[in-house]
Amino acid sequence: MTTSYTEKVRRIRSTSLIAYWPLDENSGTVAWDWGKSAYNATSSGVVPADKVVYGKDGGPCYKFDGSASYVDIYAALAGAIDTVGTGSIWFACEDNVLNGTTLRRIFTMSADANNAVLIEKTAVANTFRVAYIAGGTTKSVSPVIYEPGLSDMGKNWHHLAITLSTTADEAKVYLDGAQSGSTLTSLGTWSGAVASDKFVLGSASTPAANVWLGWLQHMALWIVVLSDDEIADLAKIGP
């Protein structure tokens, strides 16, 4: 992993960076948190430091197998960002994922079916969904991504981010540094119980379901809403 991007993530609103998992471990099942709270996660069925595809920054990344892989994150963290915050992640997928009709989850933070934040490849070809569900009210944006002519050795990485403020009553979704779709308003009120919180990367749940088929890197969470310029900066590799 190149130091410049990692340090950029840690520099942006550093006092509000609640958690950051570079997902750059070479072995083992611990995904180390480089944020301020040491929310180290546990991986299952993941290939760390996959040697076929490298991360957007040229460093190691996690490979998810599409059937049994996931990273289980400290659940209590979900309660800290369900009303205000920013999530940021890089992803790449196997060739048959984008034009396929299999639901595949990148990110899940949920208390129950009526209270969740999620990022997923939908059952519609080339279409993703980034959703905030609170009190049974669902607000979502569906970015479309086309990647013609990819091969196993030529993966395209993309950056997705979501910002949320229930106080301002708005949420925004960003694809590759630019806002995707309109600003979401009339958000519901989060009513899930913290005791039932789940926070998973690469799967809809634990045990694994709707598993991601591809690679993930640099999952970061802030307890503030980052600006458009800060999101655009995160979508660029380099200092």
Protein backbone atom coordinates (compact mmCIF):
# COMPACT_ATOMS: atom_id res chain seq x y z
CA MET A 1 0.00 0.00 0.00
CA THR A 2 1.32 3.43 -0.84
CA THR A 3 1.64 5.66 2.19
CA SER A 4 0.33 8.78 0.44
CA TYR A 5 -3.30 7.67 0.12
CA THR A 6 -3.43 6.18 3.61
CA GLU A 7 -2.08 9.36 5.10
CA LYS A 8 -4.55 11.42 3.06
CA VAL A 9 -7.47 9.48 4.52
CA ARG A 10 -6.10 9.91 8.03
CA ARG A 11 -5.49 13.62 7.45
CA ILE A 12 -8.99 14.53 6.23
CA ARG A 13 -11.05 15.60 9.27
CA SER A 14 -8.69 13.53 11.39
CA THR A 15 -10.49 14.15 14.69
CA SER A 16 -13.73 12.86 13.15
CA LEU A 17 -12.27 9.79 11.40
CA ILE A 18 -13.95 7.22 13.60
CA ALA A 19 -12.65 4.13 11.74
CA TYR A 20 -10.51 3.23 8.73
CA TRP A 21 -9.74 -0.24 7.40
CA PRO A 22 -7.17 -0.12 4.55
CA LEU A 23 -7.72 -3.89 4.02
CA ASP A 24 -4.06 -4.27 3.14
CA GLU A 25 -3.02 -7.14 5.42
CA ASN A 26 -0.81 -9.79 3.82
CA SER A 27 -2.18 -12.66 5.91
CA GLY A 28 -4.39 -13.56 8.84
CA THR A 29 -8.02 -12.78 9.64
CA VAL A 30 -7.71 -9.40 11.39
CA ALA A 31 -8.59 -6.26 9.42
CA TRP A 32 -6.83 -3.56 11.39
CA ASP A 33 -8.54 -0.24 12.08
CA TRP A 34 -6.30 2.76 11.47
CA GLY A 35 -8.87 5.22 12.80
CA LYS A 36 -9.00 6.62 16.30
CA SER A 37 -11.08 3.92 17.98
CA ALA A 38 -9.33 0.61 17.17
CA TYR A 39 -12.42 -1.16 15.83
CA ASN A 40 -10.44 -4.09 14.47
CA ALA A 41 -12.56 -6.41 12.32
CA THR A 42 -12.50 -10.14 11.62
CA SER A 43 -12.49 -11.58 8.11
CA SER A 44 -13.82 -14.97 7.02
CA GLY A 45 -13.19 -16.63 3.66
CA VAL A 46 -11.33 -13.57 2.38
CA VAL A 47 -8.07 -13.73 0.42
CA PRO A 48 -5.86 -10.96 1.85
CA ALA A 49 -3.22 -9.46 -0.44
CA ASP A 50 -4.61 -11.11 -3.57
CA LYS A 51 -1.72 -11.46 -6.03
CA VAL A 52 -3.84 -11.36 -9.21
CA VAL A 53 -5.27 -7.87 -8.76
CA TYR A 54 -3.68 -5.04 -6.78
CA GLY A 55 -5.48 -2.12 -5.22
CA LYS A 56 -6.10 1.20 -6.87
CA ASP A 57 -3.04 2.53 -5.04
CA GLY A 58 -0.89 -0.40 -6.23
CA GLY A 59 -0.93 -2.06 -2.83
CA PRO A 60 -2.60 -5.14 -1.31
CA CYS A 61 -6.39 -5.50 -1.14
CA TYR A 62 -9.01 -8.06 -0.07
CA LYS A 63 -10.53 -10.55 -2.54
CA PHE A 64 -14.12 -11.73 -1.89
CA ASP A 65 -15.20 -15.03 -3.45
CA GLY A 66 -18.88 -14.38 -4.18
CA SER A 67 -20.13 -17.13 -1.90
CA ALA A 68 -18.69 -17.23 1.62
CA SER A 69 -16.46 -14.19 2.21
CA TYR A 70 -17.11 -11.28 4.57
CA VAL A 71 -15.50 -8.90 7.05
CA ASP A 72 -17.33 -8.60 10.37
CA ILE A 73 -16.90 -5.15 11.92
CA TYR A 74 -17.50 -4.16 15.50
CA ALA A 75 -21.30 -3.79 15.63
CA ALA A 76 -21.54 -0.97 18.18
CA LEU A 77 -19.89 1.34 15.67
CA ALA A 78 -23.12 1.41 13.65
CA GLY A 79 -24.89 3.37 16.35
CA ALA A 80 -22.36 6.19 16.02
CA ILE A 81 -23.05 6.99 12.35
CA ASP A 82 -26.70 6.24 11.72
CA THR A 83 -27.72 9.93 11.80
CA VAL A 84 -24.62 11.85 10.67
CA GLY A 85 -21.49 10.70 8.91
CA THR A 86 -19.60 9.79 5.76
CA GLY A 87 -18.65 6.39 4.36
CA SER A 88 -16.00 5.90 1.67
CA ILE A 89 -14.77 2.74 -0.10
CA TRP A 90 -12.92 1.56 -3.23
CA PHE A 91 -14.15 -1.51 -5.12
CA ALA A 92 -13.43 -3.60 -8.21
CA CYS A 93 -15.39 -6.61 -9.45
CA GLU A 94 -14.97 -9.76 -11.51
CA ASP A 95 -15.86 -9.46 -15.19
CA ASN A 96 -19.26 -11.11 -14.96
CA VAL A 97 -20.54 -9.08 -12.02
CA LEU A 98 -21.60 -5.82 -13.66
CA ASN A 99 -23.69 -7.32 -16.45
CA GLY A 100 -25.01 -10.11 -14.24
CA THR A 101 -28.31 -10.36 -12.37
CA THR A 102 -27.02 -11.56 -8.99
CA LEU A 103 -27.46 -9.29 -5.98
CA ARG A 104 -24.06 -8.62 -4.38
CA ARG A 105 -23.47 -6.49 -1.31
CA ILE A 106 -20.41 -4.28 -0.74
CA PHE A 107 -21.39 -2.73 2.58
CA THR A 108 -24.08 -3.36 5.18
CA MET A 109 -24.81 -1.40 8.34
CA SER A 110 -28.13 -2.41 9.84
CA ALA A 111 -30.20 -2.84 12.96
CA ASP A 112 -32.99 -4.61 11.08
CA ALA A 113 -34.68 -4.58 7.66
CA ASN A 114 -36.25 -1.18 8.40
CA ASN A 115 -33.04 0.54 9.56
CA ALA A 116 -29.97 0.12 7.39
CA VAL A 117 -27.32 1.76 5.23
CA LEU A 118 -26.12 -0.35 2.31
CA ILE A 119 -24.19 -0.40 -0.96
CA GLU A 120 -24.91 -3.20 -3.42
CA LYS A 121 -24.81 -4.36 -7.03
CA THR A 122 -28.46 -4.96 -7.82
CA ALA A 123 -30.10 -7.74 -9.84
CA VAL A 124 -30.29 -5.26 -12.76
CA ALA A 125 -27.28 -5.27 -15.11
CA ASN A 126 -24.70 -2.52 -14.52
CA THR A 127 -26.76 -0.96 -11.73
CA PHE A 128 -25.79 -0.33 -8.12
CA ARG A 129 -27.88 0.90 -5.19
CA VAL A 130 -26.76 3.06 -2.29
CA ALA A 131 -29.56 3.29 0.27
CA TYR A 132 -30.42 4.84 3.63
CA ILE A 133 -33.35 3.08 5.27
CA ALA A 134 -34.67 4.51 8.54
CA GLY A 135 -37.93 3.76 10.31
CA GLY A 136 -39.04 1.84 7.23
CA THR A 137 -38.51 4.83 4.89
CA THR A 138 -36.10 3.98 2.05
CA LYS A 139 -34.14 6.62 0.14
CA SER A 140 -31.66 5.46 -2.49
CA VAL A 141 -29.58 6.36 -5.52
CA SER A 142 -28.79 3.86 -8.30
CA PRO A 143 -25.48 4.64 -10.02
CA VAL A 144 -24.89 2.88 -13.36
CA ILE A 145 -21.41 1.59 -14.23
CA TYR A 146 -20.36 0.10 -17.58
CA GLU A 147 -16.97 -1.58 -18.03
CA PRO A 148 -16.64 -3.08 -21.52
CA GLY A 149 -13.68 -5.25 -22.41
CA LEU A 150 -12.27 -6.07 -19.00
CA SER A 151 -10.00 -9.04 -18.45
CA ASP A 152 -8.78 -10.77 -15.30
CA MET A 153 -5.62 -8.66 -15.33
CA GLY A 154 -7.32 -5.36 -16.14
CA LYS A 155 -9.69 -4.44 -13.34
CA ASN A 156 -11.21 -0.99 -13.08
CA TRP A 157 -11.46 0.41 -9.58
CA HIS A 158 -14.27 2.74 -8.54
CA HIS A 159 -14.86 4.91 -5.50
CA LEU A 160 -18.24 5.16 -3.77
CA ALA A 161 -19.16 7.45 -0.89
CA ILE A 162 -22.29 8.42 1.00
CA THR A 163 -22.81 11.40 3.29
CA LEU A 164 -25.69 11.61 5.74
CA SER A 165 -27.16 14.25 8.04
CA THR A 166 -30.61 13.73 9.51
CA THR A 167 -30.33 17.18 11.10
CA ALA A 168 -30.02 18.75 7.66
CA ASP A 169 -32.42 16.10 6.32
CA GLU A 170 -30.20 15.13 3.41
CA ALA A 171 -28.03 12.35 2.12
CA LYS A 172 -25.76 12.35 -0.93
CA VAL A 173 -24.15 9.58 -2.97
CA TYR A 174 -20.90 10.01 -4.88
CA LEU A 175 -19.41 7.85 -7.63
CA ASP A 176 -15.75 8.41 -8.52
CA GLY A 177 -15.72 11.77 -6.78
CA ALA A 178 -18.86 13.34 -8.28
CA GLN A 179 -22.38 13.38 -6.86
CA SER A 180 -24.57 10.68 -8.39
CA GLY A 181 -28.29 11.40 -8.61
CA SER A 182 -30.13 14.03 -6.65
CA THR A 183 -29.75 14.87 -2.97
CA LEU A 184 -31.99 12.63 -0.88
CA THR A 185 -34.40 14.37 1.49
CA SER A 186 -37.42 13.50 3.66
CA LEU A 187 -35.30 10.92 5.43
CA GLY A 188 -36.87 8.60 7.96
CA THR A 189 -35.95 8.40 11.64
CA TRP A 190 -33.58 5.61 12.65
CA SER A 191 -35.32 3.42 15.20
CA GLY A 192 -33.22 0.26 15.37
CA ALA A 193 -31.92 -1.13 18.62
CA VAL A 194 -28.15 -0.90 19.07
CA ALA A 195 -28.11 -4.41 20.53
CA SER A 196 -29.07 -5.83 17.14
CA ASP A 197 -26.69 -3.74 15.01
CA LYS A 198 -24.74 -5.48 12.25
CA PHE A 199 -21.82 -4.04 10.30
CA VAL A 200 -20.41 -6.15 7.47
CA LEU A 201 -18.18 -5.63 4.43
CA GLY A 202 -18.61 -7.76 1.31
CA SER A 203 -21.83 -9.43 2.44
CA ALA A 204 -25.41 -8.70 3.44
CA SER A 205 -24.97 -10.52 6.76
CA THR A 206 -23.04 -13.02 8.82
CA PRO A 207 -23.10 -15.86 7.95
CA ALA A 208 -22.43 -14.74 4.39
CA ALA A 209 -25.25 -13.83 2.00
CA ASN A 210 -25.31 -11.92 -1.33
CA VAL A 211 -21.52 -11.91 -1.20
CA TRP A 212 -19.38 -9.50 -3.21
CA LEU A 213 -17.37 -11.06 -6.06
CA GLY A 214 -14.25 -8.96 -6.44
CA TRP A 215 -12.01 -6.71 -4.39
CA LEU A 216 -12.44 -4.06 -1.68
CA GLN A 217 -10.01 -1.53 -0.26
CA HIS A 218 -9.85 1.57 1.98
CA MET A 219 -13.15 1.51 3.89
CA ALA A 220 -13.33 4.69 5.98
CA LEU A 221 -15.98 6.27 8.23
CA TRP A 222 -16.26 9.80 9.59
CA ILE A 223 -18.78 11.12 12.10
CA VAL A 224 -19.16 14.34 10.10
CA VAL A 225 -20.41 15.16 6.61
CA LEU A 226 -17.43 15.64 4.32
CA SER A 227 -17.57 18.37 1.67
CA ASP A 228 -17.83 17.80 -2.07
CA ASP A 229 -14.16 18.76 -2.42
CA GLU A 230 -13.10 16.31 0.28
CA ILE A 231 -15.04 13.47 -1.39
CA ALA A 232 -13.45 14.35 -4.75
CA ASP A 233 -10.03 14.23 -3.08
CA LEU A 234 -10.75 10.79 -1.63
CA ALA A 235 -11.62 9.55 -5.12
CA LYS A 236 -8.08 10.32 -6.28
CA ILE A 237 -5.02 8.26 -5.44
CA GLY A 238 -2.11 10.33 -4.23
CA PRO A 239 -1.34 12.86 -1.51
